[in-house]
Amino acid sequence: MTAAPETMGKSQLPWRTIAWFGLLTLACFAPVLRALVRQWWSDPDMGHGFFVPVIAGYIVWQKRDELLAIKPQPNWWGLVVSYLAGSN
């Protein structure tokens, strides 16, 4: 059984949720990621692309306590952006 986020200690992360979200993200963006990797592999100017996810993950890991302390709040600007994007 997974503890609720409010009762979790600072060292505990919701790993099931992170894994599930990661798998869904990979499934949704697989064609894009495949094209990115192909570009990084074949273009000498883009070889640094392989390091970007690793460095970004390191930065997130270093700031994990600060990021976990942020309380989620709804923001209605997302509806405005969605409406404007859908009206084109």
N, C-alpha and C. Protein backbone atom coordinates (compact mmCIF):
# COMPACT_ATOMS: atom_id res chain seq x y z
N MET A 1 0.85 -1.18 0.00
CA MET A 1 0.00 0.00 0.00
C MET A 1 0.90 1.24 0.00
N THR A 2 0.54 2.19 -0.82
CA THR A 2 1.34 3.41 -0.95
C THR A 2 0.81 4.48 -0.01
N ALA A 3 1.71 5.16 0.67
CA ALA A 3 1.31 6.23 1.58
C ALA A 3 0.87 7.45 0.80
N ALA A 4 -0.06 8.20 1.37
CA ALA A 4 -0.51 9.43 0.75
C ALA A 4 0.62 10.44 0.76
N PRO A 5 0.67 11.35 -0.24
CA PRO A 5 1.76 12.32 -0.30
C PRO A 5 1.89 13.17 0.97
N GLU A 6 0.78 13.44 1.66
CA GLU A 6 0.85 14.28 2.86
C GLU A 6 1.56 13.56 4.00
N THR A 7 1.48 12.21 4.02
CA THR A 7 2.06 11.46 5.14
C THR A 7 3.43 10.89 4.83
N MET A 8 3.91 11.10 3.61
CA MET A 8 5.20 10.55 3.24
C MET A 8 6.33 11.38 3.84
N GLY A 9 7.42 10.69 4.17
CA GLY A 9 8.61 11.40 4.63
C GLY A 9 9.30 12.05 3.44
N LYS A 10 10.30 12.88 3.74
CA LYS A 10 10.99 13.58 2.66
C LYS A 10 11.75 12.63 1.75
N SER A 11 12.18 11.49 2.28
CA SER A 11 12.99 10.58 1.47
C SER A 11 12.13 9.64 0.63
N GLN A 12 10.83 9.58 0.87
CA GLN A 12 9.97 8.67 0.13
C GLN A 12 9.33 9.39 -1.05
N LEU A 13 9.44 8.77 -2.19
CA LEU A 13 8.82 9.29 -3.40
C LEU A 13 7.75 8.32 -3.86
N PRO A 14 6.71 8.79 -4.53
CA PRO A 14 5.67 7.89 -5.04
C PRO A 14 6.16 7.17 -6.30
N TRP A 15 6.99 6.16 -6.12
CA TRP A 15 7.66 5.50 -7.25
C TRP A 15 6.69 4.87 -8.23
N ARG A 16 5.60 4.30 -7.74
CA ARG A 16 4.61 3.72 -8.66
C ARG A 16 4.03 4.77 -9.58
N THR A 17 3.69 5.90 -9.03
CA THR A 17 3.13 6.99 -9.83
C THR A 17 4.16 7.51 -10.82
N ILE A 18 5.38 7.67 -10.38
CA ILE A 18 6.45 8.15 -11.27
C ILE A 18 6.67 7.15 -12.41
N ALA A 19 6.71 5.86 -12.09
CA ALA A 19 6.92 4.84 -13.12
C ALA A 19 5.76 4.81 -14.11
N TRP A 20 4.54 4.87 -13.60
CA TRP A 20 3.35 4.84 -14.47
C TRP A 20 3.34 6.06 -15.38
N PHE A 21 3.58 7.23 -14.84
CA PHE A 21 3.61 8.44 -15.64
C PHE A 21 4.75 8.38 -16.67
N GLY A 22 5.90 7.86 -16.28
CA GLY A 22 7.02 7.72 -17.20
C GLY A 22 6.71 6.78 -18.35
N LEU A 23 6.07 5.65 -18.06
CA LEU A 23 5.70 4.72 -19.12
C LEU A 23 4.68 5.33 -20.08
N LEU A 24 3.69 6.03 -19.55
CA LEU A 24 2.71 6.68 -20.41
C LEU A 24 3.35 7.76 -21.28
N THR A 25 4.27 8.51 -20.69
CA THR A 25 4.96 9.55 -21.45
C THR A 25 5.79 8.93 -22.57
N LEU A 26 6.52 7.86 -22.26
CA LEU A 26 7.30 7.18 -23.29
C LEU A 26 6.41 6.63 -24.40
N ALA A 27 5.27 6.06 -24.03
CA ALA A 27 4.35 5.52 -25.04
C ALA A 27 3.81 6.62 -25.95
N CYS A 28 3.50 7.76 -25.37
CA CYS A 28 2.94 8.86 -26.16
C CYS A 28 3.97 9.50 -27.07
N PHE A 29 5.19 9.61 -26.60
CA PHE A 29 6.22 10.33 -27.34
C PHE A 29 7.24 9.42 -28.02
N ALA A 30 6.96 8.13 -28.12
CA ALA A 30 7.91 7.20 -28.73
C ALA A 30 8.32 7.59 -30.14
N PRO A 31 7.39 7.97 -31.03
CA PRO A 31 7.83 8.36 -32.38
C PRO A 31 8.74 9.59 -32.38
N VAL A 32 8.44 10.55 -31.53
CA VAL A 32 9.26 11.76 -31.45
C VAL A 32 10.63 11.43 -30.88
N LEU A 33 10.66 10.63 -29.82
CA LEU A 33 11.93 10.25 -29.21
C LEU A 33 12.78 9.44 -30.18
N ARG A 34 12.15 8.57 -30.97
CA ARG A 34 12.88 7.78 -31.95
C ARG A 34 13.54 8.70 -32.98
N ALA A 35 12.80 9.71 -33.45
CA ALA A 35 13.36 10.66 -34.42
C ALA A 35 14.47 11.50 -33.79
N LEU A 36 14.30 11.87 -32.53
CA LEU A 36 15.34 12.64 -31.84
C LEU A 36 16.64 11.85 -31.73
N VAL A 37 16.53 10.62 -31.30
CA VAL A 37 17.73 9.78 -31.14
C VAL A 37 18.40 9.57 -32.49
N ARG A 38 17.60 9.35 -33.52
CA ARG A 38 18.18 9.19 -34.86
C ARG A 38 18.92 10.47 -35.28
N GLN A 39 18.36 11.64 -34.98
CA GLN A 39 19.01 12.91 -35.30
C GLN A 39 20.31 13.08 -34.51
N TRP A 40 20.25 12.77 -33.21
CA TRP A 40 21.43 12.90 -32.36
C TRP A 40 22.54 11.98 -32.84
N TRP A 41 22.18 10.77 -33.28
CA TRP A 41 23.17 9.79 -33.68
C TRP A 41 23.82 10.14 -35.02
N SER A 42 23.03 10.69 -35.94
CA SER A 42 23.54 10.90 -37.30
C SER A 42 24.14 12.29 -37.54
N ASP A 43 23.75 13.28 -36.74
CA ASP A 43 24.23 14.64 -36.94
C ASP A 43 25.31 14.96 -35.91
N PRO A 44 26.55 15.21 -36.34
CA PRO A 44 27.63 15.48 -35.39
C PRO A 44 27.39 16.73 -34.54
N ASP A 45 26.61 17.67 -35.04
CA ASP A 45 26.32 18.88 -34.27
C ASP A 45 25.30 18.65 -33.16
N MET A 46 24.63 17.52 -33.18
CA MET A 46 23.59 17.26 -32.20
C MET A 46 23.94 16.12 -31.23
N GLY A 47 25.17 15.67 -31.23
CA GLY A 47 25.59 14.57 -30.37
C GLY A 47 25.44 14.84 -28.89
N HIS A 48 25.46 16.12 -28.51
CA HIS A 48 25.30 16.47 -27.09
C HIS A 48 23.90 16.17 -26.59
N GLY A 49 22.96 15.91 -27.49
CA GLY A 49 21.58 15.63 -27.09
C GLY A 49 21.45 14.43 -26.17
N PHE A 50 22.37 13.49 -26.27
CA PHE A 50 22.31 12.32 -25.39
C PHE A 50 22.56 12.69 -23.93
N PHE A 51 23.28 13.78 -23.70
CA PHE A 51 23.60 14.18 -22.33
C PHE A 51 22.51 15.04 -21.69
N VAL A 52 21.65 15.66 -22.49
CA VAL A 52 20.65 16.59 -21.95
C VAL A 52 19.71 15.90 -20.95
N PRO A 53 19.12 14.74 -21.27
CA PRO A 53 18.24 14.10 -20.27
C PRO A 53 18.97 13.71 -18.99
N VAL A 54 20.21 13.31 -19.11
CA VAL A 54 20.99 12.91 -17.93
C VAL A 54 21.24 14.12 -17.03
N ILE A 55 21.65 15.24 -17.62
CA ILE A 55 21.91 16.46 -16.84
C ILE A 55 20.61 16.99 -16.25
N ALA A 56 19.53 16.98 -17.02
CA ALA A 56 18.24 17.45 -16.50
C ALA A 56 17.78 16.58 -15.33
N GLY A 57 17.93 15.26 -15.45
CA GLY A 57 17.58 14.36 -14.35
C GLY A 57 18.41 14.62 -13.11
N TYR A 58 19.69 14.90 -13.30
CA TYR A 58 20.57 15.21 -12.17
C TYR A 58 20.12 16.48 -11.45
N ILE A 59 19.76 17.51 -12.21
CA ILE A 59 19.30 18.77 -11.62
C ILE A 59 18.01 18.55 -10.85
N VAL A 60 17.08 17.80 -11.43
CA VAL A 60 15.81 17.52 -10.73
C VAL A 60 16.08 16.74 -9.46
N TRP A 61 16.98 15.75 -9.52
CA TRP A 61 17.31 14.96 -8.33
C TRP A 61 17.93 15.84 -7.24
N GLN A 62 18.77 16.78 -7.61
CA GLN A 62 19.39 17.66 -6.63
C GLN A 62 18.36 18.57 -5.96
N LYS A 63 17.32 18.94 -6.66
CA LYS A 63 16.30 19.85 -6.13
C LYS A 63 15.02 19.12 -5.73
N ARG A 64 15.09 17.81 -5.56
CA ARG A 64 13.88 17.02 -5.30
C ARG A 64 13.14 17.46 -4.05
N ASP A 65 13.84 17.78 -2.96
CA ASP A 65 13.15 18.20 -1.74
C ASP A 65 12.40 19.50 -1.95
N GLU A 66 13.04 20.42 -2.64
CA GLU A 66 12.39 21.71 -2.94
C GLU A 66 11.18 21.50 -3.85
N LEU A 67 11.30 20.63 -4.84
CA LEU A 67 10.20 20.38 -5.76
C LEU A 67 9.05 19.64 -5.07
N LEU A 68 9.38 18.71 -4.18
CA LEU A 68 8.33 17.99 -3.46
C LEU A 68 7.59 18.88 -2.46
N ALA A 69 8.22 19.97 -2.03
CA ALA A 69 7.58 20.87 -1.07
C ALA A 69 6.56 21.80 -1.73
N ILE A 70 6.56 21.87 -3.05
CA ILE A 70 5.62 22.75 -3.76
C ILE A 70 4.22 22.16 -3.67
N LYS A 71 3.27 22.96 -3.23
CA LYS A 71 1.88 22.52 -3.15
C LYS A 71 1.19 22.79 -4.49
N PRO A 72 0.61 21.76 -5.10
CA PRO A 72 -0.07 21.97 -6.38
C PRO A 72 -1.28 22.90 -6.22
N GLN A 73 -1.42 23.81 -7.15
CA GLN A 73 -2.55 24.73 -7.17
C GLN A 73 -3.10 24.80 -8.58
N PRO A 74 -4.42 24.82 -8.73
CA PRO A 74 -4.98 24.92 -10.08
C PRO A 74 -4.68 26.29 -10.69
N ASN A 75 -4.56 26.29 -12.00
CA ASN A 75 -4.31 27.52 -12.74
C ASN A 75 -5.21 27.49 -13.97
N TRP A 76 -6.09 28.45 -14.08
CA TRP A 76 -7.09 28.47 -15.15
C TRP A 76 -6.53 28.93 -16.48
N TRP A 77 -5.28 29.41 -16.53
CA TRP A 77 -4.70 29.83 -17.80
C TRP A 77 -4.56 28.65 -18.76
N GLY A 78 -4.48 27.45 -18.26
CA GLY A 78 -4.41 26.28 -19.13
C GLY A 78 -5.64 26.13 -20.00
N LEU A 79 -6.81 26.48 -19.47
CA LEU A 79 -8.03 26.44 -20.27
C LEU A 79 -7.99 27.46 -21.40
N VAL A 80 -7.46 28.63 -21.12
CA VAL A 80 -7.34 29.67 -22.14
C VAL A 80 -6.43 29.20 -23.26
N VAL A 81 -5.28 28.64 -22.89
CA VAL A 81 -4.33 28.15 -23.89
C VAL A 81 -4.96 27.01 -24.70
N SER A 82 -5.65 26.09 -24.04
CA SER A 82 -6.31 24.98 -24.74
C SER A 82 -7.38 25.48 -25.70
N TYR A 83 -8.14 26.48 -25.27
CA TYR A 83 -9.19 27.04 -26.13
C TYR A 83 -8.57 27.71 -27.36
N LEU A 84 -7.54 28.50 -27.13
CA LEU A 84 -6.91 29.21 -28.25
C LEU A 84 -6.24 28.22 -29.21
N ALA A 85 -5.64 27.17 -28.68
CA ALA A 85 -5.01 26.17 -29.54
C ALA A 85 -6.05 25.38 -30.34
N GLY A 86 -7.20 25.15 -29.73
CA GLY A 86 -8.25 24.39 -30.42
C GLY A 86 -9.04 25.21 -31.41
N SER A 87 -8.99 26.53 -31.30
CA SER A 87 -9.79 27.38 -32.20
C SER A 87 -9.08 27.63 -33.53
N ASN A 88 -7.85 27.17 -33.68
CA ASN A 88 -7.12 27.38 -34.95
C ASN A 88 -7.52 26.39 -35.95
